[in-house]
């Protein structure tokens, strides 16, 4: 997926229009149905079959489904604007071909697949609100045994990260850097692309065991096995930082996995790794100090609460203030609905 296309994913700052009438409230309650239709169509790769004109009978035969029911589904996709119908034949729209067909370079499938696999968590909101402990369906537990959900998450994060990766790797701080530590680096795409763009750099990815395979695949993909290493380290544990240092330290899109006390600790520990003249780079979805705006960010904070035990999005200004308290000179750069904090020593 090219960066220009991906950046458009981040342009919206509101989750939905504010409900003003009873009809708006009913519509808000009913939106799950449209999401369910899209999720099913993507999981079955229906839009691969409708790249050329296809009837409901033909599609039912290919997928082992009931023809009349498939016709109802395809008509619903037409009503949603995702297919066109001519007589008894159905065909993708230009947008569908661009984003929902698996052979497209702009395919959104990994992102939608990850969202589909979150579906079962939301009806359990009451359990989350009542529990001080991590629940089995939350990410820190689920990814240990549900490899489909883990891989969907990693693939979605790779797809979503590209606009931010482009902004980060272009920073002049890397021109003089020789060492980089990527904290909670996950799939490793940030560090891999930085190392490809700046050939003097060697680096380390620190993260939990569940991310190892995704990181190793990225290192192999970019042919960087001699320059990047993966270390199983929990970045909450202060002992893991002993004796380590780097010219640049990355904290990209990960502080929302921690509560405020944990996030403050991680920022301080990360700042302690930075060599003189180096920088701590923190990428975070922008959130105002009132924690209400942008609305999409407030919604994302709820998403993190549901999916993790301690997750929440932290106000951007607060993050910058913590970095400054540790002696770093903080400047910011907007990247779509994200903020990149450049914290120099």
C-alpha atoms as a PDB file:
ATOM      1  CA  UNK A   1       0.000   0.000   0.000  1.00  0.00           C
ATOM      2  CA  UNK A   2       1.493   3.348  -0.987  1.00  0.00           C
ATOM      3  CA  UNK A   3       1.972   6.069   1.607  1.00  0.00           C
ATOM      4  CA  UNK A   4      -0.388   8.530  -0.102  1.00  0.00           C
ATOM      5  CA  UNK A   5      -3.249   6.030   0.025  1.00  0.00           C
ATOM      6  CA  UNK A   6      -2.502   5.007   3.606  1.00  0.00           C
ATOM      7  CA  UNK A   7      -2.318   8.590   4.816  1.00  0.00           C
ATOM      8  CA  UNK A   8      -5.935   9.062   3.776  1.00  0.00           C
ATOM      9  CA  UNK A   9      -6.949   6.403   6.309  1.00  0.00           C
ATOM     10  CA  UNK A  10      -5.907   8.890   8.987  1.00  0.00           C
ATOM     11  CA  UNK A  11      -7.669  12.007   7.714  1.00  0.00           C
ATOM     12  CA  UNK A  12     -10.934  11.556   9.633  1.00  0.00           C
ATOM     13  CA  UNK A  13     -10.979  13.067  13.111  1.00  0.00           C
ATOM     14  CA  UNK A  14     -14.510  12.058  14.108  1.00  0.00           C
ATOM     15  CA  UNK A  15     -15.868   8.583  14.756  1.00  0.00           C
ATOM     16  CA  UNK A  16     -19.391   9.523  13.658  1.00  0.00           C
ATOM     17  CA  UNK A  17     -21.669  12.501  13.330  1.00  0.00           C
ATOM     18  CA  UNK A  18     -23.128  13.564  16.672  1.00  0.00           C
ATOM     19  CA  UNK A  19     -26.625  12.014  17.052  1.00  0.00           C
ATOM     20  CA  UNK A  20     -29.311  14.703  17.041  1.00  0.00           C
ATOM     21  CA  UNK A  21     -32.554  12.738  16.754  1.00  0.00           C
ATOM     22  CA  UNK A  22     -34.068   9.430  17.797  1.00  0.00           C
ATOM     23  CA  UNK A  23     -33.519   8.202  14.242  1.00  0.00           C
ATOM     24  CA  UNK A  24     -29.804   9.035  14.549  1.00  0.00           C
ATOM     25  CA  UNK A  25     -29.593   6.985  17.740  1.00  0.00           C
ATOM     26  CA  UNK A  26     -31.250   3.993  16.071  1.00  0.00           C
ATOM     27  CA  UNK A  27     -28.844   4.330  13.138  1.00  0.00           C
ATOM     28  CA  UNK A  28     -25.884   4.431  15.526  1.00  0.00           C
ATOM     29  CA  UNK A  29     -27.127   1.272  17.248  1.00  0.00           C
ATOM     30  CA  UNK A  30     -27.613  -0.456  13.895  1.00  0.00           C
ATOM     31  CA  UNK A  31     -24.187   0.152  12.385  1.00  0.00           C
ATOM     32  CA  UNK A  32     -22.886  -3.225  13.530  1.00  0.00           C
ATOM     33  CA  UNK A  33     -24.841  -4.846  10.688  1.00  0.00           C
ATOM     34  CA  UNK A  34     -22.938  -2.980   7.971  1.00  0.00           C
ATOM     35  CA  UNK A  35     -19.637  -3.838   9.638  1.00  0.00           C
ATOM     36  CA  UNK A  36     -20.635  -7.519   9.862  1.00  0.00           C
ATOM     37  CA  UNK A  37     -21.458  -7.629   6.140  1.00  0.00           C
ATOM     38  CA  UNK A  38     -18.107  -6.100   5.203  1.00  0.00           C
ATOM     39  CA  UNK A  39     -16.201  -8.369   7.607  1.00  0.00           C
ATOM     40  CA  UNK A  40     -17.812 -11.507   6.187  1.00  0.00           C
ATOM     41  CA  UNK A  41     -17.279 -10.443   2.575  1.00  0.00           C
ATOM     42  CA  UNK A  42     -13.603  -9.789   3.270  1.00  0.00           C
ATOM     43  CA  UNK A  43     -13.080 -13.033   5.186  1.00  0.00           C
ATOM     44  CA  UNK A  44     -14.573 -14.994   2.246  1.00  0.00           C
ATOM     45  CA  UNK A  45     -12.713 -12.832  -0.322  1.00  0.00           C
ATOM     46  CA  UNK A  46     -15.977 -12.225  -2.155  1.00  0.00           C
ATOM     47  CA  UNK A  47     -14.549  -9.179  -3.920  1.00  0.00           C
ATOM     48  CA  UNK A  48     -11.915 -11.364  -5.587  1.00  0.00           C
ATOM     49  CA  UNK A  49     -14.770 -13.287  -7.228  1.00  0.00           C
ATOM     50  CA  UNK A  50     -16.609 -10.144  -8.354  1.00  0.00           C
ATOM     51  CA  UNK A  51     -13.583  -8.558 -10.021  1.00  0.00           C
ATOM     52  CA  UNK A  52     -15.295  -9.786 -13.200  1.00  0.00           C
ATOM     53  CA  UNK A  53     -19.072 -10.026 -13.503  1.00  0.00           C
ATOM     54  CA  UNK A  54     -20.479 -12.877 -11.457  1.00  0.00           C
ATOM     55  CA  UNK A  55     -24.007 -14.047 -10.660  1.00  0.00           C
ATOM     56  CA  UNK A  56     -25.235 -15.095  -7.231  1.00  0.00           C
ATOM     57  CA  UNK A  57     -25.658 -18.636  -8.561  1.00  0.00           C
ATOM     58  CA  UNK A  58     -22.060 -18.758  -9.799  1.00  0.00           C
ATOM     59  CA  UNK A  59     -20.660 -17.381  -6.533  1.00  0.00           C
ATOM     60  CA  UNK A  60     -22.767 -19.777  -4.462  1.00  0.00           C
ATOM     61  CA  UNK A  61     -21.398 -22.694  -6.482  1.00  0.00           C
ATOM     62  CA  UNK A  62     -17.797 -21.621  -5.922  1.00  0.00           C
ATOM     63  CA  UNK A  63     -18.187 -21.094  -2.167  1.00  0.00           C
ATOM     64  CA  UNK A  64     -20.642 -23.889  -1.365  1.00  0.00           C
ATOM     65  CA  UNK A  65     -23.403 -21.500  -0.289  1.00  0.00           C
ATOM     66  CA  UNK A  66     -27.168 -21.245  -0.885  1.00  0.00           C
ATOM     67  CA  UNK A  67     -27.771 -19.249  -4.072  1.00  0.00           C
ATOM     68  CA  UNK A  68     -30.847 -17.272  -2.972  1.00  0.00           C
ATOM     69  CA  UNK A  69     -29.150 -16.261   0.290  1.00  0.00           C
ATOM     70  CA  UNK A  70     -26.021 -15.221  -1.599  1.00  0.00           C
ATOM     71  CA  UNK A  71     -28.216 -13.010  -3.801  1.00  0.00           C
ATOM     72  CA  UNK A  72     -29.556 -11.228  -0.697  1.00  0.00           C
ATOM     73  CA  UNK A  73     -25.985 -10.710   0.548  1.00  0.00           C
ATOM     74  CA  UNK A  74     -24.803  -9.370  -2.809  1.00  0.00           C
ATOM     75  CA  UNK A  75     -27.761  -7.000  -2.982  1.00  0.00           C
ATOM     76  CA  UNK A  76     -26.813  -5.705   0.474  1.00  0.00           C
ATOM     77  CA  UNK A  77     -23.280  -5.061  -0.785  1.00  0.00           C
ATOM     78  CA  UNK A  78     -24.770  -3.154  -3.720  1.00  0.00           C
ATOM     79  CA  UNK A  79     -26.846  -1.091  -1.285  1.00  0.00           C
ATOM     80  CA  UNK A  80     -23.676  -0.308   0.676  1.00  0.00           C
ATOM     81  CA  UNK A  81     -21.991   0.914  -2.512  1.00  0.00           C
ATOM     82  CA  UNK A  82     -19.429  -1.900  -2.589  1.00  0.00           C
ATOM     83  CA  UNK A  83     -20.786  -3.682  -5.672  1.00  0.00           C
ATOM     84  CA  UNK A  84     -22.655  -2.768  -8.853  1.00  0.00           C
ATOM     85  CA  UNK A  85     -25.472  -4.877 -10.310  1.00  0.00           C
ATOM     86  CA  UNK A  86     -26.440  -5.281 -13.934  1.00  0.00           C
ATOM     87  CA  UNK A  87     -29.326  -7.679 -14.412  1.00  0.00           C
ATOM     88  CA  UNK A  88     -28.316 -10.832 -12.511  1.00  0.00           C
ATOM     89  CA  UNK A  89     -24.590 -10.023 -12.532  1.00  0.00           C
ATOM     90  CA  UNK A  90     -22.540  -8.311  -9.822  1.00  0.00           C
ATOM     91  CA  UNK A  91     -19.298  -6.387 -10.274  1.00  0.00           C
ATOM     92  CA  UNK A  92     -16.854  -4.507  -8.064  1.00  0.00           C
ATOM     93  CA  UNK A  93     -16.842  -0.726  -7.976  1.00  0.00           C
ATOM     94  CA  UNK A  94     -13.568   1.084  -8.670  1.00  0.00           C
ATOM     95  CA  UNK A  95     -13.116   1.690  -4.937  1.00  0.00           C
ATOM     96  CA  UNK A  96     -13.719  -1.973  -4.147  1.00  0.00           C
ATOM     97  CA  UNK A  97     -11.172  -3.061  -6.750  1.00  0.00           C
ATOM     98  CA  UNK A  98      -8.659  -0.641  -5.266  1.00  0.00           C
ATOM     99  CA  UNK A  99      -9.037  -1.446  -1.572  1.00  0.00           C
ATOM    100  CA  UNK A 100     -10.932  -4.715  -1.086  1.00  0.00           C
ATOM    101  CA  UNK A 101      -9.504  -7.012  -3.780  1.00  0.00           C
ATOM    102  CA  UNK A 102      -6.620  -9.064  -2.401  1.00  0.00           C
ATOM    103  CA  UNK A 103      -4.385  -8.624  -5.461  1.00  0.00           C
ATOM    104  CA  UNK A 104      -4.467  -4.820  -5.165  1.00  0.00           C
ATOM    105  CA  UNK A 105      -1.407  -2.989  -3.877  1.00  0.00           C
ATOM    106  CA  UNK A 106      -3.775  -0.881  -1.749  1.00  0.00           C
ATOM    107  CA  UNK A 107      -5.549  -3.866  -0.164  1.00  0.00           C
ATOM    108  CA  UNK A 108      -7.062  -3.116   3.259  1.00  0.00           C
ATOM    109  CA  UNK A 109      -7.694  -6.766   4.074  1.00  0.00           C
ATOM    110  CA  UNK A 110      -5.203  -7.117   6.972  1.00  0.00           C
ATOM    111  CA  UNK A 111      -6.694  -4.078   8.718  1.00  0.00           C
ATOM    112  CA  UNK A 112     -10.287  -5.248   8.306  1.00  0.00           C
ATOM    113  CA  UNK A 113      -9.332  -8.797   9.320  1.00  0.00           C
ATOM    114  CA  UNK A 114      -7.839  -7.473  12.561  1.00  0.00           C
ATOM    115  CA  UNK A 115     -11.018  -5.467  13.222  1.00  0.00           C
ATOM    116  CA  UNK A 116     -13.182  -8.540  12.563  1.00  0.00           C
ATOM    117  CA  UNK A 117     -11.233 -10.544  15.127  1.00  0.00           C
ATOM    118  CA  UNK A 118     -11.913  -7.869  17.761  1.00  0.00           C
ATOM    119  CA  UNK A 119     -15.671  -8.362  17.377  1.00  0.00           C
ATOM    120  CA  UNK A 120     -16.084 -10.878  20.184  1.00  0.00           C
ATOM    121  CA  UNK A 121     -14.482  -8.544  22.751  1.00  0.00           C
ATOM    122  CA  UNK A 122     -16.981  -5.709  22.600  1.00  0.00           C
ATOM    123  CA  UNK A 123     -20.031  -7.495  24.054  1.00  0.00           C
ATOM    124  CA  UNK A 124     -17.805  -8.283  27.059  1.00  0.00           C
ATOM    125  CA  UNK A 125     -17.286  -4.645  28.001  1.00  0.00           C
ATOM    126  CA  UNK A 126     -18.944  -5.215  31.375  1.00  0.00           C
ATOM    127  CA  UNK A 127     -16.385  -7.902  32.238  1.00  0.00           C
ATOM    128  CA  UNK A 128     -13.561  -5.520  31.405  1.00  0.00           C
ATOM    129  CA  UNK A 129     -15.017  -2.727  33.514  1.00  0.00           C
ATOM    130  CA  UNK A 130     -15.399  -5.020  36.518  1.00  0.00           C
ATOM    131  CA  UNK A 131     -11.970  -6.669  36.377  1.00  0.00           C
ATOM    132  CA  UNK A 132      -8.660  -5.455  37.781  1.00  0.00           C
ATOM    133  CA  UNK A 133      -6.932  -8.398  36.078  1.00  0.00           C
ATOM    134  CA  UNK A 134      -6.105  -9.128  32.459  1.00  0.00           C
ATOM    135  CA  UNK A 135      -8.812 -11.313  30.900  1.00  0.00           C
ATOM    136  CA  UNK A 136      -8.135 -14.270  28.637  1.00  0.00           C
ATOM    137  CA  UNK A 137      -9.602 -12.604  25.547  1.00  0.00           C
ATOM    138  CA  UNK A 138      -7.427  -9.491  25.876  1.00  0.00           C
ATOM    139  CA  UNK A 139      -4.338  -9.162  23.715  1.00  0.00           C
ATOM    140  CA  UNK A 140      -1.654  -9.860  26.300  1.00  0.00           C
ATOM    141  CA  UNK A 141      -3.208 -13.293  26.884  1.00  0.00           C
ATOM    142  CA  UNK A 142      -4.955 -14.023  23.584  1.00  0.00           C
ATOM    143  CA  UNK A 143      -1.892 -13.633  21.377  1.00  0.00           C
ATOM    144  CA  UNK A 144      -0.063 -16.362  23.285  1.00  0.00           C
ATOM    145  CA  UNK A 145      -2.468 -19.026  21.977  1.00  0.00           C
ATOM    146  CA  UNK A 146      -4.522 -17.422  19.159  1.00  0.00           C
ATOM    147  CA  UNK A 147      -1.974 -17.142  16.387  1.00  0.00           C
ATOM    148  CA  UNK A 148      -4.589 -16.082  13.829  1.00  0.00           C
ATOM    149  CA  UNK A 149      -5.444 -13.015  15.912  1.00  0.00           C
ATOM    150  CA  UNK A 150      -1.760 -12.333  16.591  1.00  0.00           C
ATOM    151  CA  UNK A 151      -0.808 -12.528  12.914  1.00  0.00           C
ATOM    152  CA  UNK A 152      -3.802 -10.416  11.869  1.00  0.00           C
ATOM    153  CA  UNK A 153      -2.749  -7.767  14.381  1.00  0.00           C
ATOM    154  CA  UNK A 154       0.866  -7.732  13.187  1.00  0.00           C
ATOM    155  CA  UNK A 155      -0.166  -7.585   9.516  1.00  0.00           C
ATOM    156  CA  UNK A 156      -2.575  -4.732  10.222  1.00  0.00           C
ATOM    157  CA  UNK A 157       0.078  -2.781  12.119  1.00  0.00           C
ATOM    158  CA  UNK A 158       2.541  -3.163   9.235  1.00  0.00           C
ATOM    159  CA  UNK A 159      -0.062  -1.800   6.814  1.00  0.00           C
ATOM    160  CA  UNK A 160      -1.062   1.082   9.063  1.00  0.00           C
ATOM    161  CA  UNK A 161       2.466   2.118   9.984  1.00  0.00           C
ATOM    162  CA  UNK A 162       3.791   3.187   6.578  1.00  0.00           C
ATOM    163  CA  UNK A 163       2.905   6.918   6.670  1.00  0.00           C
ATOM    164  CA  UNK A 164       4.549   7.189  10.076  1.00  0.00           C
ATOM    165  CA  UNK A 165       7.555   5.104   9.018  1.00  0.00           C
ATOM    166  CA  UNK A 166       8.124   7.486   6.101  1.00  0.00           C
ATOM    167  CA  UNK A 167       8.050  10.499   8.433  1.00  0.00           C
ATOM    168  CA  UNK A 168      10.349   8.910  11.015  1.00  0.00           C
ATOM    169  CA  UNK A 169      13.031   7.558   8.689  1.00  0.00           C
ATOM    170  CA  UNK A 170      13.360  10.953   6.946  1.00  0.00           C
ATOM    171  CA  UNK A 171      14.445  12.726  10.153  1.00  0.00           C
ATOM    172  CA  UNK A 172      17.977  14.192   9.967  1.00  0.00           C
ATOM    173  CA  UNK A 173      18.809  12.732  13.394  1.00  0.00           C
ATOM    174  CA  UNK A 174      19.569   9.435  11.614  1.00  0.00           C
ATOM    175  CA  UNK A 175      22.253  10.961   9.390  1.00  0.00           C
ATOM    176  CA  UNK A 176      24.735  10.900  12.281  1.00  0.00           C
ATOM    177  CA  UNK A 177      23.293   7.980  14.237  1.00  0.00           C
ATOM    178  CA  UNK A 178      25.001   4.606  14.454  1.00  0.00           C
ATOM    179  CA  UNK A 179      22.780   2.738  16.917  1.00  0.00           C
ATOM    180  CA  UNK A 180      18.996   2.529  17.368  1.00  0.00           C
ATOM    181  CA  UNK A 181      16.880   0.693  19.943  1.00  0.00           C
ATOM    182  CA  UNK A 182      13.224   0.175  19.006  1.00  0.00           C
ATOM    183  CA  UNK A 183      11.261  -0.298  22.240  1.00  0.00           C
ATOM    184  CA  UNK A 184       8.148  -2.454  21.842  1.00  0.00           C
ATOM    185  CA  UNK A 185       9.220  -2.609  18.201  1.00  0.00           C
ATOM    186  CA  UNK A 186       6.826  -5.432  17.347  1.00  0.00           C
ATOM    187  CA  UNK A 187       6.941  -6.260  13.648  1.00  0.00           C
ATOM    188  CA  UNK A 188      10.179  -4.277  13.249  1.00  0.00           C
ATOM    189  CA  UNK A 189       9.158  -2.286  10.175  1.00  0.00           C
ATOM    190  CA  UNK A 190      10.240   1.062  11.633  1.00  0.00           C
ATOM    191  CA  UNK A 191      13.773  -0.061  12.390  1.00  0.00           C
ATOM    192  CA  UNK A 192      14.111  -2.107   9.196  1.00  0.00           C
ATOM    193  CA  UNK A 193      13.204   0.798   6.934  1.00  0.00           C
ATOM    194  CA  UNK A 194      15.385   3.194   8.939  1.00  0.00           C
ATOM    195  CA  UNK A 195      18.327   0.791   8.584  1.00  0.00           C
ATOM    196  CA  UNK A 196      17.705   0.433   4.842  1.00  0.00           C
ATOM    197  CA  UNK A 197      17.645   4.207   4.402  1.00  0.00           C
ATOM    198  CA  UNK A 198      20.713   4.795   6.627  1.00  0.00           C
ATOM    199  CA  UNK A 199      23.298   2.087   6.029  1.00  0.00           C
ATOM    200  CA  UNK A 200      25.579   3.005   8.940  1.00  0.00           C
ATOM    201  CA  UNK A 201      22.878   2.117  11.480  1.00  0.00           C
ATOM    202  CA  UNK A 202      22.699  -1.075  13.523  1.00  0.00           C
ATOM    203  CA  UNK A 203      19.789  -1.722  15.817  1.00  0.00           C
ATOM    204  CA  UNK A 204      17.860  -3.794  18.323  1.00  0.00           C
ATOM    205  CA  UNK A 205      14.149  -4.562  18.599  1.00  0.00           C
ATOM    206  CA  UNK A 206      12.935  -5.075  22.169  1.00  0.00           C
ATOM    207  CA  UNK A 207       9.551  -6.721  22.655  1.00  0.00           C
ATOM    208  CA  UNK A 208       7.633  -9.645  24.126  1.00  0.00           C
ATOM    209  CA  UNK A 209       7.970 -13.230  22.833  1.00  0.00           C
ATOM    210  CA  UNK A 210       4.693 -13.102  20.878  1.00  0.00           C
ATOM    211  CA  UNK A 211       6.228 -10.586  18.441  1.00  0.00           C
ATOM    212  CA  UNK A 212       9.447 -12.486  17.771  1.00  0.00           C
ATOM    213  CA  UNK A 213       8.341 -14.265  14.598  1.00  0.00           C
ATOM    214  CA  UNK A 214       6.886 -11.111  13.031  1.00  0.00           C
ATOM    215  CA  UNK A 215      10.112  -9.217  13.762  1.00  0.00           C
ATOM    216  CA  UNK A 216      12.312 -12.007  12.400  1.00  0.00           C
ATOM    217  CA  UNK A 217      10.236 -12.150   9.208  1.00  0.00           C
ATOM    218  CA  UNK A 218      10.762  -8.413   8.743  1.00  0.00           C
ATOM    219  CA  UNK A 219      14.503  -8.686   9.355  1.00  0.00           C
ATOM    220  CA  UNK A 220      14.694 -11.467   6.757  1.00  0.00           C
ATOM    221  CA  UNK A 221      12.481  -9.584   4.292  1.00  0.00           C
ATOM    222  CA  UNK A 222      14.801  -6.570   4.381  1.00  0.00           C
ATOM    223  CA  UNK A 223      17.984  -8.716   4.463  1.00  0.00           C
ATOM    224  CA  UNK A 224      19.170  -7.129   7.721  1.00  0.00           C
ATOM    225  CA  UNK A 225      20.135 -10.165   9.816  1.00  0.00           C
ATOM    226  CA  UNK A 226      23.658  -8.814  10.284  1.00  0.00           C
ATOM    227  CA  UNK A 227      22.500  -5.380  11.438  1.00  0.00           C
ATOM    228  CA  UNK A 228      19.275  -5.844  13.432  1.00  0.00           C
ATOM    229  CA  UNK A 229      18.672  -8.211  16.337  1.00  0.00           C
ATOM    230  CA  UNK A 230      15.528  -9.089  18.287  1.00  0.00           C
ATOM    231  CA  UNK A 231      15.610  -9.247  22.097  1.00  0.00           C
ATOM    232  CA  UNK A 232      12.813 -10.616  24.261  1.00  0.00           C
ATOM    233  CA  UNK A 233      12.494  -7.790  26.773  1.00  0.00           C
ATOM    234  CA  UNK A 234       9.552  -6.390  28.679  1.00  0.00           C
ATOM    235  CA  UNK A 235      10.088  -2.639  28.470  1.00  0.00           C
ATOM    236  CA  UNK A 236       8.313  -2.143  31.804  1.00  0.00           C
ATOM    237  CA  UNK A 237      11.168  -3.883  33.644  1.00  0.00           C
ATOM    238  CA  UNK A 238      13.896  -1.424  34.633  1.00  0.00           C
ATOM    239  CA  UNK A 239      16.544  -4.155  34.842  1.00  0.00           C
ATOM    240  CA  UNK A 240      16.313  -4.736  31.094  1.00  0.00           C
ATOM    241  CA  UNK A 241      17.802  -1.290  30.451  1.00  0.00           C
ATOM    242  CA  UNK A 242      20.995  -1.803  32.480  1.00  0.00           C
ATOM    243  CA  UNK A 243      24.119  -1.189  30.424  1.00  0.00           C
ATOM    244  CA  UNK A 244      22.207  -0.338  27.236  1.00  0.00           C
ATOM    245  CA  UNK A 245      22.370   2.894  25.226  1.00  0.00           C
ATOM    246  CA  UNK A 246      21.749   4.159  21.709  1.00  0.00           C
ATOM    247  CA  UNK A 247      21.975   7.262  19.553  1.00  0.00           C
ATOM    248  CA  UNK A 248      18.252   7.047  18.789  1.00  0.00           C
ATOM    249  CA  UNK A 249      15.545   5.324  20.827  1.00  0.00           C
ATOM    250  CA  UNK A 250      12.102   4.663  19.336  1.00  0.00           C
ATOM    251  CA  UNK A 251       8.839   4.555  21.290  1.00  0.00           C
ATOM    252  CA  UNK A 252       6.493   4.299  18.360  1.00  0.00           C
ATOM    253  CA  UNK A 253       2.752   3.842  18.768  1.00  0.00           C
ATOM    254  CA  UNK A 254       3.050   1.798  21.974  1.00  0.00           C
ATOM    255  CA  UNK A 255       2.486   3.992  25.046  1.00  0.00           C
ATOM    256  CA  UNK A 256      -1.252   3.351  24.759  1.00  0.00           C
ATOM    257  CA  UNK A 257      -0.641  -0.193  26.042  1.00  0.00           C
ATOM    258  CA  UNK A 258       0.171   1.224  29.488  1.00  0.00           C
ATOM    259  CA  UNK A 259      -1.627   3.149  32.197  1.00  0.00           C
ATOM    260  CA  UNK A 260      -0.325   6.614  33.063  1.00  0.00           C
ATOM    261  CA  UNK A 261       2.097   5.470  35.761  1.00  0.00           C
ATOM    262  CA  UNK A 262       3.544   2.764  33.516  1.00  0.00           C
ATOM    263  CA  UNK A 263       3.823   5.134  30.540  1.00  0.00           C
ATOM    264  CA  UNK A 264       5.640   7.697  32.678  1.00  0.00           C
ATOM    265  CA  UNK A 265       8.091   5.027  33.829  1.00  0.00           C
ATOM    266  CA  UNK A 266       8.732   3.780  30.273  1.00  0.00           C
ATOM    267  CA  UNK A 267       9.385   7.304  28.978  1.00  0.00           C
ATOM    268  CA  UNK A 268      11.899   7.865  31.770  1.00  0.00           C
ATOM    269  CA  UNK A 269      13.658   4.549  31.169  1.00  0.00           C
ATOM    270  CA  UNK A 270      13.755   5.225  27.418  1.00  0.00           C
ATOM    271  CA  UNK A 271      15.191   8.696  27.982  1.00  0.00           C
ATOM    272  CA  UNK A 272      17.973   7.129  30.044  1.00  0.00           C
ATOM    273  CA  UNK A 273      19.102   5.099  27.005  1.00  0.00           C
ATOM    274  CA  UNK A 274      19.743   8.146  24.798  1.00  0.00           C
ATOM    275  CA  UNK A 275      23.356   9.092  24.133  1.00  0.00           C
ATOM    276  CA  UNK A 276      24.474  12.738  24.197  1.00  0.00           C
ATOM    277  CA  UNK A 277      23.423  14.409  20.954  1.00  0.00           C
ATOM    278  CA  UNK A 278      20.865  11.685  20.306  1.00  0.00           C
ATOM    279  CA  UNK A 279      17.082  11.590  20.485  1.00  0.00           C
ATOM    280  CA  UNK A 280      14.085   9.740  21.827  1.00  0.00           C
ATOM    281  CA  UNK A 281      11.357   9.592  19.173  1.00  0.00           C
ATOM    282  CA  UNK A 282       7.818   9.066  20.454  1.00  0.00           C
ATOM    283  CA  UNK A 283       4.958   8.521  18.020  1.00  0.00           C
ATOM    284  CA  UNK A 284       1.435   8.706  19.438  1.00  0.00           C
ATOM    285  CA  UNK A 285      -2.096   9.251  18.194  1.00  0.00           C
ATOM    286  CA  UNK A 286      -2.865  12.886  18.948  1.00  0.00           C
ATOM    287  CA  UNK A 287      -5.076  13.437  21.987  1.00  0.00           C
ATOM    288  CA  UNK A 288      -5.955  16.770  23.578  1.00  0.00           C
ATOM    289  CA  UNK A 289      -5.548  17.301  27.307  1.00  0.00           C
ATOM    290  CA  UNK A 290      -9.329  17.049  27.812  1.00  0.00           C
ATOM    291  CA  UNK A 291      -9.126  13.448  26.489  1.00  0.00           C
ATOM    292  CA  UNK A 292     -12.228  14.127  24.349  1.00  0.00           C
ATOM    293  CA  UNK A 293     -10.773  15.362  21.079  1.00  0.00           C
ATOM    294  CA  UNK A 294     -10.114  14.326  18.432  1.00  0.00           C
ATOM    295  CA  UNK A 295     -13.133  12.052  18.823  1.00  0.00           C
ATOM    296  CA  UNK A 296     -11.414   9.222  16.978  1.00  0.00           C
ATOM    297  CA  UNK A 297      -8.608   9.306  19.549  1.00  0.00           C
ATOM    298  CA  UNK A 298     -11.055   9.148  22.473  1.00  0.00           C
ATOM    299  CA  UNK A 299     -12.676   6.167  20.763  1.00  0.00           C
ATOM    300  CA  UNK A 300      -9.270   4.543  20.314  1.00  0.00           C
ATOM    301  CA  UNK A 301      -8.582   4.918  24.033  1.00  0.00           C
ATOM    302  CA  UNK A 302     -11.766   2.906  24.661  1.00  0.00           C
ATOM    303  CA  UNK A 303     -10.559   0.326  22.134  1.00  0.00           C
ATOM    304  CA  UNK A 304      -7.326  -0.081  24.110  1.00  0.00           C
ATOM    305  CA  UNK A 305      -9.254  -0.441  27.370  1.00  0.00           C
ATOM    306  CA  UNK A 306     -11.312  -3.261  25.892  1.00  0.00           C
ATOM    307  CA  UNK A 307      -8.385  -5.079  24.290  1.00  0.00           C
ATOM    308  CA  UNK A 308      -5.714  -4.745  26.989  1.00  0.00           C
ATOM    309  CA  UNK A 309      -5.649  -4.714  30.763  1.00  0.00           C
ATOM    310  CA  UNK A 310      -3.959  -1.322  31.265  1.00  0.00           C
ATOM    311  CA  UNK A 311      -4.336   0.298  27.847  1.00  0.00           C
ATOM    312  CA  UNK A 312      -5.405   3.883  27.280  1.00  0.00           C
ATOM    313  CA  UNK A 313      -4.359   6.757  25.054  1.00  0.00           C
ATOM    314  CA  UNK A 314      -2.438   9.534  26.836  1.00  0.00           C
ATOM    315  CA  UNK A 315      -2.656  13.274  26.084  1.00  0.00           C
ATOM    316  CA  UNK A 316       0.096  14.322  23.703  1.00  0.00           C
ATOM    317  CA  UNK A 317       1.110  17.363  25.748  1.00  0.00           C
ATOM    318  CA  UNK A 318       1.475  15.218  28.871  1.00  0.00           C
ATOM    319  CA  UNK A 319       3.822  12.828  27.037  1.00  0.00           C
ATOM    320  CA  UNK A 320       5.959  15.752  25.900  1.00  0.00           C
ATOM    321  CA  UNK A 321       6.022  17.121  29.433  1.00  0.00           C
ATOM    322  CA  UNK A 322       7.305  13.826  30.859  1.00  0.00           C
ATOM    323  CA  UNK A 323      10.081  13.711  28.247  1.00  0.00           C
ATOM    324  CA  UNK A 324      11.046  17.310  29.075  1.00  0.00           C
ATOM    325  CA  UNK A 325      11.158  16.427  32.782  1.00  0.00           C
ATOM    326  CA  UNK A 326      13.907  13.952  31.902  1.00  0.00           C
ATOM    327  CA  UNK A 327      16.085  16.643  30.366  1.00  0.00           C
ATOM    328  CA  UNK A 328      15.071  16.291  26.720  1.00  0.00           C
ATOM    329  CA  UNK A 329      14.339  19.185  24.366  1.00  0.00           C
ATOM    330  CA  UNK A 330      10.949  18.381  22.813  1.00  0.00           C
ATOM    331  CA  UNK A 331       9.603  19.458  19.424  1.00  0.00           C
ATOM    332  CA  UNK A 332       6.635  17.994  17.534  1.00  0.00           C
ATOM    333  CA  UNK A 333       5.655  17.107  13.998  1.00  0.00           C
ATOM    334  CA  UNK A 334       2.121  16.233  12.886  1.00  0.00           C
ATOM    335  CA  UNK A 335       1.703  13.037  10.839  1.00  0.00           C
ATOM    336  CA  UNK A 336      -1.967  12.740   9.889  1.00  0.00           C
ATOM    337  CA  UNK A 337      -3.845  12.117  13.133  1.00  0.00           C
ATOM    338  CA  UNK A 338      -0.594  11.242  14.882  1.00  0.00           C
ATOM    339  CA  UNK A 339       2.037  13.393  16.572  1.00  0.00           C
ATOM    340  CA  UNK A 340       5.740  12.630  16.369  1.00  0.00           C
ATOM    341  CA  UNK A 341       7.594  13.987  19.414  1.00  0.00           C
ATOM    342  CA  UNK A 342      11.300  14.545  18.720  1.00  0.00           C
ATOM    343  CA  UNK A 343      13.005  14.605  22.104  1.00  0.00           C
ATOM    344  CA  UNK A 344      16.693  15.527  21.805  1.00  0.00           C
ATOM    345  CA  UNK A 345      19.421  15.242  24.394  1.00  0.00           C
END
